[in-house]
Amino acid sequence: QEQLVESGGGLVQAGGSLRLSCEAPAYIFFGAKIMGWYRQAPGKQRELVGSITNGGLTNYADAVKGRFTISRDNVKKQVILQMSSLKPEDTAIFYCNFKSRMNDAERWGQGTQVTVSS
């Protein structure tokens, strides 16, 4: 099974910025009706951070509105999450997700760690 390749996680101080990207094979990227980023903090359930439809409509969790921006690069076949004004509570493993428009099948990235120090 072809993989989604995530990059951009790391350690940053509170108030800093990080940019996550997730590259997908063409058939997954262009076959998706919605793509997004989720995160899972230790001891917590995985939650939606932000999503973008193939028409460009975006949606964000309340906790990240105004700080995070999701976008897509159709040339590089990437979904991107630009994160700014990071807080310690943003610390989590971040996963990209693609949902197929044909059968709602979902593909997940391997996860990338984001750690925000206070």
C-alpha atoms as a PDB file:
ATOM      1  CA  GLN A   1       0.000   0.000   0.000  1.00  0.00           C
ATOM      2  CA  GLU A   2       1.414   3.339  -1.002  1.00  0.00           C
ATOM      3  CA  GLN A   3       2.162   5.609   1.902  1.00  0.00           C
ATOM      4  CA  LEU A   4       1.411   9.179   2.724  1.00  0.00           C
ATOM      5  CA  VAL A   5       4.663  10.954   3.546  1.00  0.00           C
ATOM      6  CA  GLU A   6       4.488  13.500   6.333  1.00  0.00           C
ATOM      7  CA  SER A   7       7.183  15.972   7.252  1.00  0.00           C
ATOM      8  CA  GLY A   8       7.732  19.119   9.273  1.00  0.00           C
ATOM      9  CA  GLY A   9       7.182  18.130  12.883  1.00  0.00           C
ATOM     10  CA  GLY A  10       9.603  18.952  15.641  1.00  0.00           C
ATOM     11  CA  LEU A  11      10.276  20.856  18.829  1.00  0.00           C
ATOM     12  CA  VAL A  12       9.403  24.544  19.068  1.00  0.00           C
ATOM     13  CA  GLN A  13       9.004  27.075  21.830  1.00  0.00           C
ATOM     14  CA  ALA A  14       5.624  28.490  22.721  1.00  0.00           C
ATOM     15  CA  GLY A  15       4.711  31.266  20.322  1.00  0.00           C
ATOM     16  CA  GLY A  16       6.687  29.717  17.502  1.00  0.00           C
ATOM     17  CA  SER A  17       5.633  28.299  14.153  1.00  0.00           C
ATOM     18  CA  LEU A  18       5.829  25.005  12.314  1.00  0.00           C
ATOM     19  CA  ARG A  19       4.750  23.883   8.869  1.00  0.00           C
ATOM     20  CA  LEU A  20       3.556  20.331   8.310  1.00  0.00           C
ATOM     21  CA  SER A  21       3.216  18.804   4.882  1.00  0.00           C
ATOM     22  CA  CYS A  22       1.840  15.486   3.699  1.00  0.00           C
ATOM     23  CA  GLU A  23       2.490  14.204   0.191  1.00  0.00           C
ATOM     24  CA  ALA A  24       0.183  11.646  -1.351  1.00  0.00           C
ATOM     25  CA  PRO A  25       0.236   9.551  -4.498  1.00  0.00           C
ATOM     26  CA  ALA A  26      -1.711  11.190  -7.302  1.00  0.00           C
ATOM     27  CA  TYR A  27      -4.626   8.738  -7.211  1.00  0.00           C
ATOM     28  CA  ILE A  28      -5.135   9.370  -3.487  1.00  0.00           C
ATOM     29  CA  PHE A  29      -4.676  13.130  -3.670  1.00  0.00           C
ATOM     30  CA  PHE A  30      -6.917  13.783  -6.661  1.00  0.00           C
ATOM     31  CA  GLY A  31      -9.360  11.056  -5.638  1.00  0.00           C
ATOM     32  CA  ALA A  32     -10.043  12.661  -2.272  1.00  0.00           C
ATOM     33  CA  LYS A  33     -13.166  14.651  -1.520  1.00  0.00           C
ATOM     34  CA  ILE A  34     -11.663  15.985   1.672  1.00  0.00           C
ATOM     35  CA  MET A  35      -8.209  15.983   3.214  1.00  0.00           C
ATOM     36  CA  GLY A  36      -7.136  17.130   6.608  1.00  0.00           C
ATOM     37  CA  TRP A  37      -4.987  16.989   9.690  1.00  0.00           C
ATOM     38  CA  TYR A  38      -5.820  15.304  12.985  1.00  0.00           C
ATOM     39  CA  ARG A  39      -3.864  15.172  16.200  1.00  0.00           C
ATOM     40  CA  GLN A  40      -3.649  12.921  19.206  1.00  0.00           C
ATOM     41  CA  ALA A  41      -2.183  14.025  22.505  1.00  0.00           C
ATOM     42  CA  PRO A  42      -1.112  11.494  25.149  1.00  0.00           C
ATOM     43  CA  GLY A  43      -4.121  10.023  26.897  1.00  0.00           C
ATOM     44  CA  LYS A  44      -6.578  11.742  24.571  1.00  0.00           C
ATOM     45  CA  GLN A  45      -8.620  10.759  21.555  1.00  0.00           C
ATOM     46  CA  ARG A  46      -7.596  11.700  18.053  1.00  0.00           C
ATOM     47  CA  GLU A  47      -9.271  14.940  17.042  1.00  0.00           C
ATOM     48  CA  LEU A  48      -9.724  16.930  13.864  1.00  0.00           C
ATOM     49  CA  VAL A  49      -7.467  19.976  13.568  1.00  0.00           C
ATOM     50  CA  GLY A  50      -8.459  21.224  10.140  1.00  0.00           C
ATOM     51  CA  SER A  51      -9.750  20.027   6.798  1.00  0.00           C
ATOM     52  CA  ILE A  52     -10.056  21.224   3.223  1.00  0.00           C
ATOM     53  CA  THR A  53     -12.383  19.943   0.533  1.00  0.00           C
ATOM     54  CA  ASN A  54     -11.513  19.431  -3.113  1.00  0.00           C
ATOM     55  CA  GLY A  55     -13.409  22.658  -3.686  1.00  0.00           C
ATOM     56  CA  GLY A  56     -11.191  24.542  -1.256  1.00  0.00           C
ATOM     57  CA  LEU A  57     -13.621  24.909   1.655  1.00  0.00           C
ATOM     58  CA  THR A  58     -11.842  24.811   5.000  1.00  0.00           C
ATOM     59  CA  ASN A  59     -12.884  23.867   8.497  1.00  0.00           C
ATOM     60  CA  TYR A  60     -10.968  24.213  11.775  1.00  0.00           C
ATOM     61  CA  ALA A  61     -11.245  23.092  15.345  1.00  0.00           C
ATOM     62  CA  ASP A  62     -12.141  25.989  17.620  1.00  0.00           C
ATOM     63  CA  ALA A  63      -8.873  25.568  19.509  1.00  0.00           C
ATOM     64  CA  VAL A  64      -6.767  26.416  16.443  1.00  0.00           C
ATOM     65  CA  LYS A  65      -8.889  28.988  14.614  1.00  0.00           C
ATOM     66  CA  GLY A  66      -6.885  32.062  13.787  1.00  0.00           C
ATOM     67  CA  ARG A  67      -3.588  30.280  14.449  1.00  0.00           C
ATOM     68  CA  PHE A  68      -3.498  27.391  11.970  1.00  0.00           C
ATOM     69  CA  THR A  69      -4.061  27.450   8.225  1.00  0.00           C
ATOM     70  CA  ILE A  70      -4.664  24.421   6.036  1.00  0.00           C
ATOM     71  CA  SER A  71      -3.997  24.480   2.313  1.00  0.00           C
ATOM     72  CA  ARG A  72      -3.334  22.163  -0.609  1.00  0.00           C
ATOM     73  CA  ASP A  73      -0.658  22.190  -3.283  1.00  0.00           C
ATOM     74  CA  ASN A  74      -1.992  20.465  -6.374  1.00  0.00           C
ATOM     75  CA  VAL A  75       1.404  20.459  -8.086  1.00  0.00           C
ATOM     76  CA  LYS A  76       3.260  18.788  -5.221  1.00  0.00           C
ATOM     77  CA  LYS A  77       0.187  16.747  -4.224  1.00  0.00           C
ATOM     78  CA  GLN A  78       0.487  17.926  -0.654  1.00  0.00           C
ATOM     79  CA  VAL A  79      -1.837  19.011   2.093  1.00  0.00           C
ATOM     80  CA  ILE A  80      -0.157  21.596   4.292  1.00  0.00           C
ATOM     81  CA  LEU A  81      -0.794  22.789   7.826  1.00  0.00           C
ATOM     82  CA  GLN A  82       0.826  26.097   8.748  1.00  0.00           C
ATOM     83  CA  MET A  83       0.836  26.488  12.514  1.00  0.00           C
ATOM     84  CA  SER A  84       1.652  29.711  14.308  1.00  0.00           C
ATOM     85  CA  SER A  85       1.370  31.047  17.857  1.00  0.00           C
ATOM     86  CA  LEU A  86       1.890  27.493  19.061  1.00  0.00           C
ATOM     87  CA  LYS A  87       0.969  26.616  22.621  1.00  0.00           C
ATOM     88  CA  PRO A  88       2.139  23.770  24.881  1.00  0.00           C
ATOM     89  CA  GLU A  89      -1.346  22.280  24.601  1.00  0.00           C
ATOM     90  CA  ASP A  90      -0.776  21.839  20.860  1.00  0.00           C
ATOM     91  CA  THR A  91       1.760  19.113  21.685  1.00  0.00           C
ATOM     92  CA  ALA A  92       0.595  15.929  19.951  1.00  0.00           C
ATOM     93  CA  ILE A  93       1.225  13.512  17.144  1.00  0.00           C
ATOM     94  CA  PHE A  94      -0.250  14.988  13.970  1.00  0.00           C
ATOM     95  CA  TYR A  95      -1.701  12.756  11.253  1.00  0.00           C
ATOM     96  CA  CYS A  96      -2.793  13.657   7.737  1.00  0.00           C
ATOM     97  CA  ASN A  97      -5.929  12.056   6.379  1.00  0.00           C
ATOM     98  CA  PHE A  98      -7.491  11.659   2.950  1.00  0.00           C
ATOM     99  CA  LYS A  99     -11.078  10.537   2.429  1.00  0.00           C
ATOM    100  CA  SER A 100     -11.953   9.069  -0.947  1.00  0.00           C
ATOM    101  CA  ARG A 101     -14.866  10.567  -2.883  1.00  0.00           C
ATOM    102  CA  MET A 102     -15.612   7.152  -4.374  1.00  0.00           C
ATOM    103  CA  ASN A 103     -16.230   5.076  -1.239  1.00  0.00           C
ATOM    104  CA  ASP A 104     -15.293   7.241   1.774  1.00  0.00           C
ATOM    105  CA  ALA A 105     -12.216   5.037   2.347  1.00  0.00           C
ATOM    106  CA  GLU A 106      -9.676   6.802   4.502  1.00  0.00           C
ATOM    107  CA  ARG A 107      -5.894   6.867   4.293  1.00  0.00           C
ATOM    108  CA  TRP A 108      -3.729   7.994   7.181  1.00  0.00           C
ATOM    109  CA  GLY A 109      -0.189   9.268   7.382  1.00  0.00           C
ATOM    110  CA  GLN A 110       2.289   7.692   9.768  1.00  0.00           C
ATOM    111  CA  GLY A 111       2.150  10.630  12.170  1.00  0.00           C
ATOM    112  CA  THR A 112       4.634  13.357  12.995  1.00  0.00           C
ATOM    113  CA  GLN A 113       5.427  14.577  16.495  1.00  0.00           C
ATOM    114  CA  VAL A 114       4.907  18.220  17.373  1.00  0.00           C
ATOM    115  CA  THR A 115       6.219  19.316  20.755  1.00  0.00           C
ATOM    116  CA  VAL A 116       5.732  22.845  22.065  1.00  0.00           C
ATOM    117  CA  SER A 117       7.791  23.813  25.085  1.00  0.00           C
ATOM    118  CA  SER A 118       6.708  26.494  27.549  1.00  0.00           C
END
